[in-house]
PDB file of all heavy atoms in Angstrom:
ATOM      1  N   GLY A   1     104.012  83.936  89.577  1.00  0.00           N
ATOM      2  CA  GLY A   1     103.649  82.708  88.876  1.00  0.00           C
ATOM      3  C   GLY A   1     102.577  83.008  87.851  1.00  0.00           C
ATOM      4  O   GLY A   1     101.657  83.784  88.117  1.00  0.00           O
ATOM      5  N   ILE A   2     102.699  82.395  86.662  1.00  0.00           N
ATOM      6  CA  ILE A   2     101.696  82.556  85.612  1.00  0.00           C
ATOM      7  C   ILE A   2     100.807  81.316  85.565  1.00  0.00           C
ATOM      8  O   ILE A   2     101.299  80.193  85.484  1.00  0.00           O
ATOM      9  CB  ILE A   2     102.341  82.727  84.229  1.00  0.00           C
ATOM     10  CG1 ILE A   2     103.331  83.872  84.217  1.00  0.00           C
ATOM     11  CG2 ILE A   2     101.288  82.943  83.155  1.00  0.00           C
ATOM     12  CD1 ILE A   2     104.046  84.015  82.883  1.00  0.00           C
ATOM     13  N   ASP A   3      99.512  81.547  85.618  1.00  0.00           N
ATOM     14  CA  ASP A   3      98.565  80.462  85.390  1.00  0.00           C
ATOM     15  C   ASP A   3      98.589  80.165  83.894  1.00  0.00           C
ATOM     16  O   ASP A   3      98.192  81.004  83.074  1.00  0.00           O
ATOM     17  CB  ASP A   3      97.158  80.867  85.831  1.00  0.00           C
ATOM     18  CG  ASP A   3      96.159  79.733  85.756  1.00  0.00           C
ATOM     19  OD1 ASP A   3      96.147  79.025  84.717  1.00  0.00           O
ATOM     20  OD2 ASP A   3      95.372  79.549  86.690  1.00  0.00           O
ATOM     21  N   LEU A   4      99.072  78.993  83.516  1.00  0.00           N
ATOM     22  CA  LEU A   4      99.278  78.679  82.110  1.00  0.00           C
ATOM     23  C   LEU A   4      97.986  78.409  81.353  1.00  0.00           C
ATOM     24  O   LEU A   4      97.992  78.316  80.126  1.00  0.00           O
ATOM     25  CB  LEU A   4     100.228  77.483  81.979  1.00  0.00           C
ATOM     26  CG  LEU A   4     101.626  77.685  82.565  1.00  0.00           C
ATOM     27  CD1 LEU A   4     102.488  76.453  82.314  1.00  0.00           C
ATOM     28  CD2 LEU A   4     102.294  78.926  81.987  1.00  0.00           C
ATOM     29  N   LEU A   5      96.875  78.314  82.075  1.00  0.00           N
ATOM     30  CA  LEU A   5      95.582  78.099  81.430  1.00  0.00           C
ATOM     31  C   LEU A   5      94.798  79.388  81.235  1.00  0.00           C
ATOM     32  O   LEU A   5      93.982  79.494  80.327  1.00  0.00           O
ATOM     33  CB  LEU A   5      94.748  77.100  82.239  1.00  0.00           C
ATOM     34  CG  LEU A   5      95.321  75.685  82.327  1.00  0.00           C
ATOM     35  CD1 LEU A   5      94.540  74.853  83.332  1.00  0.00           C
ATOM     36  CD2 LEU A   5      95.316  75.021  80.967  1.00  0.00           C
ATOM     37  N   THR A   6      95.051  80.383  82.083  1.00  0.00           N
ATOM     38  CA  THR A   6      94.293  81.639  82.003  1.00  0.00           C
ATOM     39  C   THR A   6      95.153  82.848  81.668  1.00  0.00           C
ATOM     40  O   THR A   6      94.641  83.876  81.237  1.00  0.00           O
ATOM     41  CB  THR A   6      93.562  81.920  83.328  1.00  0.00           C
ATOM     42  OG1 THR A   6      94.546  82.195  84.358  1.00  0.00           O
ATOM     43  CG2 THR A   6      92.705  80.738  83.756  1.00  0.00           C
ATOM     44  N   GLY A   7      96.473  82.751  81.914  1.00  0.00           N
ATOM     45  CA  GLY A   7      97.358  83.885  81.695  1.00  0.00           C
ATOM     46  C   GLY A   7      97.477  84.820  82.880  1.00  0.00           C
ATOM     47  O   GLY A   7      98.286  85.746  82.861  1.00  0.00           O
ATOM     48  N   LYS A   8      96.679  84.591  83.917  1.00  0.00           N
ATOM     49  CA  LYS A   8      96.734  85.470  85.091  1.00  0.00           C
ATOM     50  C   LYS A   8      98.078  85.335  85.800  1.00  0.00           C
ATOM     51  O   LYS A   8      98.591  84.225  85.969  1.00  0.00           O
ATOM     52  CB  LYS A   8      95.605  85.133  86.071  1.00  0.00           C
ATOM     53  CG  LYS A   8      95.629  85.974  87.350  1.00  0.00           C
ATOM     54  CD  LYS A   8      94.489  85.607  88.288  1.00  0.00           C
ATOM     55  CE  LYS A   8      94.604  86.315  89.635  1.00  0.00           C
ATOM     56  NZ  LYS A   8      94.538  87.780  89.518  1.00  0.00           N
ATOM     57  N   VAL A   9      98.623  86.474  86.224  1.00  0.00           N
ATOM     58  CA  VAL A   9      99.890  86.488  86.955  1.00  0.00           C
ATOM     59  C   VAL A   9      99.609  86.716  88.439  1.00  0.00           C
ATOM     60  O   VAL A   9      98.981  87.710  88.815  1.00  0.00           O
ATOM     61  CB  VAL A   9     100.839  87.585  86.437  1.00  0.00           C
ATOM     62  CG1 VAL A   9     102.136  87.595  87.241  1.00  0.00           C
ATOM     63  CG2 VAL A   9     101.128  87.388  84.958  1.00  0.00           C
ATOM     64  N   HIS A  10     100.041  85.792  89.273  1.00  0.00           N
ATOM     65  CA  HIS A  10      99.968  85.945  90.728  1.00  0.00           C
ATOM     66  C   HIS A  10     101.316  86.477  91.186  1.00  0.00           C
ATOM     67  O   HIS A  10     102.364  85.966  90.771  1.00  0.00           O
ATOM     68  CB  HIS A  10      99.681  84.602  91.403  1.00  0.00           C
ATOM     69  CG  HIS A  10      98.424  83.937  90.929  1.00  0.00           C
ATOM     70  ND1 HIS A  10      97.177  84.257  91.425  1.00  0.00           N
ATOM     71  CD2 HIS A  10      98.223  82.970  89.976  1.00  0.00           C
ATOM     72  CE1 HIS A  10      96.265  83.511  90.825  1.00  0.00           C
ATOM     73  NE2 HIS A  10      96.877  82.725  89.945  1.00  0.00           N
ATOM     74  N   ALA A  11     101.319  87.494  92.042  1.00  0.00           N
ATOM     75  CA  ALA A  11     102.610  88.102  92.392  1.00  0.00           C
ATOM     76  C   ALA A  11     102.626  88.676  93.799  1.00  0.00           C
ATOM     77  O   ALA A  11     101.604  89.121  94.329  1.00  0.00           O
ATOM     78  CB  ALA A  11     102.950  89.207  91.389  1.00  0.00           C
ATOM     79  N   LEU A  12     103.829  88.640  94.377  1.00  0.00           N
ATOM     80  CA  LEU A  12     104.135  89.308  95.634  1.00  0.00           C
ATOM     81  C   LEU A  12     105.459  90.042  95.450  1.00  0.00           C
ATOM     82  O   LEU A  12     106.346  89.565  94.748  1.00  0.00           O
ATOM     83  CB  LEU A  12     104.300  88.311  96.786  1.00  0.00           C
ATOM     84  CG  LEU A  12     103.076  87.588  97.339  1.00  0.00           C
ATOM     85  CD1 LEU A  12     103.513  86.556  98.385  1.00  0.00           C
ATOM     86  CD2 LEU A  12     102.093  88.578  97.952  1.00  0.00           C
ATOM     87  N   VAL A  13     105.608  91.183  96.102  1.00  0.00           N
ATOM     88  CA  VAL A  13     106.886  91.894  96.119  1.00  0.00           C
ATOM     89  C   VAL A  13     107.317  92.003  97.578  1.00  0.00           C
ATOM     90  O   VAL A  13     106.596  92.543  98.407  1.00  0.00           O
ATOM     91  CB  VAL A  13     106.771  93.298  95.493  1.00  0.00           C
ATOM     92  CG1 VAL A  13     108.116  94.019  95.560  1.00  0.00           C
ATOM     93  CG2 VAL A  13     106.314  93.193  94.038  1.00  0.00           C
ATOM     94  N   ARG A  14     108.487  91.463  97.871  1.00  0.00           N
ATOM     95  CA  ARG A  14     108.991  91.463  99.234  1.00  0.00           C
ATOM     96  C   ARG A  14     110.474  91.842  99.249  1.00  0.00           C
ATOM     97  O   ARG A  14     111.141  91.854  98.220  1.00  0.00           O
ATOM     98  CB  ARG A  14     108.807  90.078  99.875  1.00  0.00           C
ATOM     99  CG  ARG A  14     107.346  89.672 100.029  1.00  0.00           C
ATOM    100  CD  ARG A  14     106.658  90.540 101.060  1.00  0.00           C
ATOM    101  NE  ARG A  14     105.263  90.164 101.281  1.00  0.00           N
ATOM    102  CZ  ARG A  14     104.225  90.744 100.693  1.00  0.00           C
ATOM    103  NH1 ARG A  14     104.437  91.723  99.811  1.00  0.00           N
ATOM    104  NH2 ARG A  14     102.988  90.373 100.959  1.00  0.00           N
ATOM    105  N   ASP A  15     110.998  92.129 100.440  1.00  0.00           N
ATOM    106  CA  ASP A  15     112.411  92.489 100.558  1.00  0.00           C
ATOM    107  C   ASP A  15     113.324  91.305 100.227  1.00  0.00           C
ATOM    108  O   ASP A  15     114.416  91.484  99.677  1.00  0.00           O
ATOM    109  CB  ASP A  15     112.727  92.982 101.975  1.00  0.00           C
ATOM    110  CG  ASP A  15     112.176  94.368 102.244  1.00  0.00           C
ATOM    111  OD1 ASP A  15     111.805  95.056 101.276  1.00  0.00           O
ATOM    112  OD2 ASP A  15     112.109  94.754 103.421  1.00  0.00           O
ATOM    113  N   ARG A  16     112.865  90.097 100.557  1.00  0.00           N
ATOM    114  CA  ARG A  16     113.678  88.908 100.347  1.00  0.00           C
ATOM    115  C   ARG A  16     112.813  87.797  99.769  1.00  0.00           C
ATOM    116  O   ARG A  16     111.592  87.971  99.589  1.00  0.00           O
ATOM    117  CB  ARG A  16     114.322  88.475 101.675  1.00  0.00           C
ATOM    118  CG  ARG A  16     115.211  89.552 102.281  1.00  0.00           C
ATOM    119  CD  ARG A  16     115.687  89.189 103.678  1.00  0.00           C
ATOM    120  NE  ARG A  16     116.594  88.043 103.684  1.00  0.00           N
ATOM    121  CZ  ARG A  16     117.141  87.534 104.781  1.00  0.00           C
ATOM    122  NH1 ARG A  16     116.877  88.068 105.955  1.00  0.00           N
ATOM    123  NH2 ARG A  16     117.951  86.490 104.706  1.00  0.00           N
ATOM    124  N   HIS A  17     113.436  86.630  99.498  1.00  0.00           N
ATOM    125  CA  HIS A  17     112.657  85.502  98.975  1.00  0.00           C
ATOM    126  C   HIS A  17     113.095  84.215  99.685  1.00  0.00           C
ATOM    127  O   HIS A  17     113.572  83.269  99.080  1.00  0.00           O
ATOM    128  CB  HIS A  17     112.793  85.378  97.459  1.00  0.00           C
ATOM    129  CG  HIS A  17     114.194  85.227  96.954  1.00  0.00           C
ATOM    130  ND1 HIS A  17     115.099  86.245  96.953  1.00  0.00           N
ATOM    131  CD2 HIS A  17     114.838  84.156  96.422  1.00  0.00           C
ATOM    132  CE1 HIS A  17     116.241  85.826  96.453  1.00  0.00           C
ATOM    133  NE2 HIS A  17     116.111  84.549  96.128  1.00  0.00           N
ATOM    134  N   ARG A  18     112.869  84.202 100.996  1.00  0.00           N
ATOM    135  CA  ARG A  18     113.174  83.048 101.827  1.00  0.00           C
ATOM    136  C   ARG A  18     111.986  82.096 101.850  1.00  0.00           C
ATOM    137  O   ARG A  18     110.993  82.295 101.145  1.00  0.00           O
ATOM    138  CB  ARG A  18     113.516  83.499 103.244  1.00  0.00           C
ATOM    139  CG  ARG A  18     114.705  84.456 103.334  1.00  0.00           C
ATOM    140  CD  ARG A  18     114.687  85.220 104.644  1.00  0.00           C
ATOM    141  NE  ARG A  18     113.506  86.088 104.735  1.00  0.00           N
ATOM    142  CZ  ARG A  18     113.216  86.853 105.770  1.00  0.00           C
ATOM    143  NH1 ARG A  18     114.014  86.849 106.833  1.00  0.00           N
ATOM    144  NH2 ARG A  18     112.135  87.616 105.764  1.00  0.00           N
ATOM    145  N   SER A  19     112.069  81.081 102.706  1.00  0.00           N
ATOM    146  CA  SER A  19     110.974  80.123 102.833  1.00  0.00           C
ATOM    147  C   SER A  19     109.680  80.814 103.263  1.00  0.00           C
ATOM    148  O   SER A  19     108.601  80.493 102.750  1.00  0.00           O
ATOM    149  CB  SER A  19     111.338  79.042 103.858  1.00  0.00           C
ATOM    150  OG  SER A  19     112.438  78.284 103.428  1.00  0.00           O
ATOM    151  N   ARG A  20     109.781  81.755 104.179  1.00  0.00           N
ATOM    152  CA  ARG A  20     108.555  82.398 104.665  1.00  0.00           C
ATOM    153  C   ARG A  20     107.854  83.182 103.564  1.00  0.00           C
ATOM    154  O   ARG A  20     106.614  83.222 103.512  1.00  0.00           O
ATOM    155  CB  ARG A  20     108.864  83.300 105.861  1.00  0.00           C
ATOM    156  CG  ARG A  20     109.720  84.514 105.574  1.00  0.00           C
ATOM    157  CD  ARG A  20     110.062  85.258 106.845  1.00  0.00           C
ATOM    158  NE  ARG A  20     110.909  84.444 107.712  1.00  0.00           N
ATOM    159  CZ  ARG A  20     111.386  84.867 108.885  1.00  0.00           C
ATOM    160  NH1 ARG A  20     111.085  86.078 109.320  1.00  0.00           N
ATOM    161  NH2 ARG A  20     112.153  84.081 109.604  1.00  0.00           N
ATOM    162  N   GLU A  21     108.632  83.803 102.665  1.00  0.00           N
ATOM    163  CA  GLU A  21     108.015  84.524 101.552  1.00  0.00           C
ATOM    164  C   GLU A  21     107.414  83.544 100.542  1.00  0.00           C
ATOM    165  O   GLU A  21     106.348  83.805  99.972  1.00  0.00           O
ATOM    166  CB  GLU A  21     109.039  85.432 100.855  1.00  0.00           C
ATOM    167  CG  GLU A  21     109.391  86.693 101.621  1.00  0.00           C
ATOM    168  CD  GLU A  21     110.425  86.470 102.714  1.00  0.00           C
ATOM    169  OE1 GLU A  21     111.141  85.433 102.662  1.00  0.00           O
ATOM    170  OE2 GLU A  21     110.541  87.320 103.620  1.00  0.00           O
ATOM    171  N   PHE A  22     108.095  82.413 100.329  1.00  0.00           N
ATOM    172  CA  PHE A  22     107.552  81.412  99.416  1.00  0.00           C
ATOM    173  C   PHE A  22     106.257  80.828  99.958  1.00  0.00           C
ATOM    174  O   PHE A  22     105.277  80.649  99.212  1.00  0.00           O
ATOM    175  CB  PHE A  22     108.579  80.304  99.180  1.00  0.00           C
ATOM    176  CG  PHE A  22     108.092  79.222  98.253  1.00  0.00           C
ATOM    177  CD1 PHE A  22     107.637  79.528  96.978  1.00  0.00           C
ATOM    178  CD2 PHE A  22     108.100  77.888  98.661  1.00  0.00           C
ATOM    179  CE1 PHE A  22     107.194  78.531  96.122  1.00  0.00           C
ATOM    180  CE2 PHE A  22     107.664  76.893  97.798  1.00  0.00           C
ATOM    181  CZ  PHE A  22     107.203  77.213  96.534  1.00  0.00           C
ATOM    182  N   VAL A  23     106.226  80.543 101.249  1.00  0.00           N
ATOM    183  CA  VAL A  23     104.992  80.043 101.867  1.00  0.00           C
ATOM    184  C   VAL A  23     103.882  81.086 101.743  1.00  0.00           C
ATOM    185  O   VAL A  23     102.718  80.748 101.494  1.00  0.00           O
ATOM    186  CB  VAL A  23     105.234  79.667 103.345  1.00  0.00           C
ATOM    187  CG1 VAL A  23     103.909  79.428 104.066  1.00  0.00           C
ATOM    188  CG2 VAL A  23     106.124  78.435 103.442  1.00  0.00           C
ATOM    189  N   GLU A  24     104.238  82.347 101.889  1.00  0.00           N
ATOM    190  CA  GLU A  24     103.257  83.423 101.724  1.00  0.00           C
ATOM    191  C   GLU A  24     102.672  83.392 100.308  1.00  0.00           C
ATOM    192  O   GLU A  24     101.474  83.598 100.107  1.00  0.00           O
ATOM    193  CB  GLU A  24     103.899  84.779 102.012  1.00  0.00           C
ATOM    194  CG  GLU A  24     102.917  85.935 102.038  1.00  0.00           C
ATOM    195  CD  GLU A  24     103.574  87.269 102.359  1.00  0.00           C
ATOM    196  OE1 GLU A  24     104.799  87.291 102.629  1.00  0.00           O
ATOM    197  OE2 GLU A  24     102.872  88.304 102.322  1.00  0.00           O
ATOM    198  N   PHE A  25     103.539  83.136  99.320  1.00  0.00           N
ATOM    199  CA  PHE A  25     103.052  83.042  97.946  1.00  0.00           C
ATOM    200  C   PHE A  25     102.131  81.837  97.781  1.00  0.00           C
ATOM    201  O   PHE A  25     101.091  81.920  97.100  1.00  0.00           O
ATOM    202  CB  PHE A  25     104.218  82.951  96.969  1.00  0.00           C
ATOM    203  CG  PHE A  25     103.778  82.904  95.532  1.00  0.00           C
ATOM    204  CD1 PHE A  25     103.523  84.077  94.839  1.00  0.00           C
ATOM    205  CD2 PHE A  25     103.599  81.685  94.881  1.00  0.00           C
ATOM    206  CE1 PHE A  25     103.096  84.044  93.516  1.00  0.00           C
ATOM    207  CE2 PHE A  25     103.168  81.642  93.557  1.00  0.00           C
ATOM    208  CZ  PHE A  25     102.916  82.822  92.881  1.00  0.00           C
ATOM    209  N   LEU A  26     102.503  80.702  98.371  1.00  0.00           N
ATOM    210  CA  LEU A  26     101.653  79.511  98.299  1.00  0.00           C
ATOM    211  C   LEU A  26     100.289  79.784  98.929  1.00  0.00           C
ATOM    212  O   LEU A  26      99.257  79.314  98.421  1.00  0.00           O
ATOM    213  CB  LEU A  26     102.326  78.330  98.986  1.00  0.00           C
ATOM    214  CG  LEU A  26     103.606  77.795  98.331  1.00  0.00           C
ATOM    215  CD1 LEU A  26     104.173  76.649  99.160  1.00  0.00           C
ATOM    216  CD2 LEU A  26     103.335  77.344  96.899  1.00  0.00           C
ATOM    217  N   LYS A  27     100.276  80.549 100.005  1.00  0.00           N
ATOM    218  CA  LYS A  27      99.003  80.910 100.641  1.00  0.00           C
ATOM    219  C   LYS A  27      98.171  81.784  99.705  1.00  0.00           C
ATOM    220  O   LYS A  27      96.933  81.678  99.673  1.00  0.00           O
ATOM    221  CB  LYS A  27      99.266  81.639 101.961  1.00  0.00           C
ATOM    222  CG  LYS A  27      99.812  80.750 103.064  1.00  0.00           C
ATOM    223  CD  LYS A  27     100.075  81.548 104.342  1.00  0.00           C
ATOM    224  CE  LYS A  27     100.607  80.645 105.458  1.00  0.00           C
ATOM    225  NZ  LYS A  27     100.915  81.410 106.700  1.00  0.00           N
TER     226      LYS A  27
END
């Protein structure tokens, strides 16, 4: 995800992109 106000990119790399990985990103 890109912070549209600062340009910073938040990122995770995982084997899959299920709900648990999305929740991990939200955390």
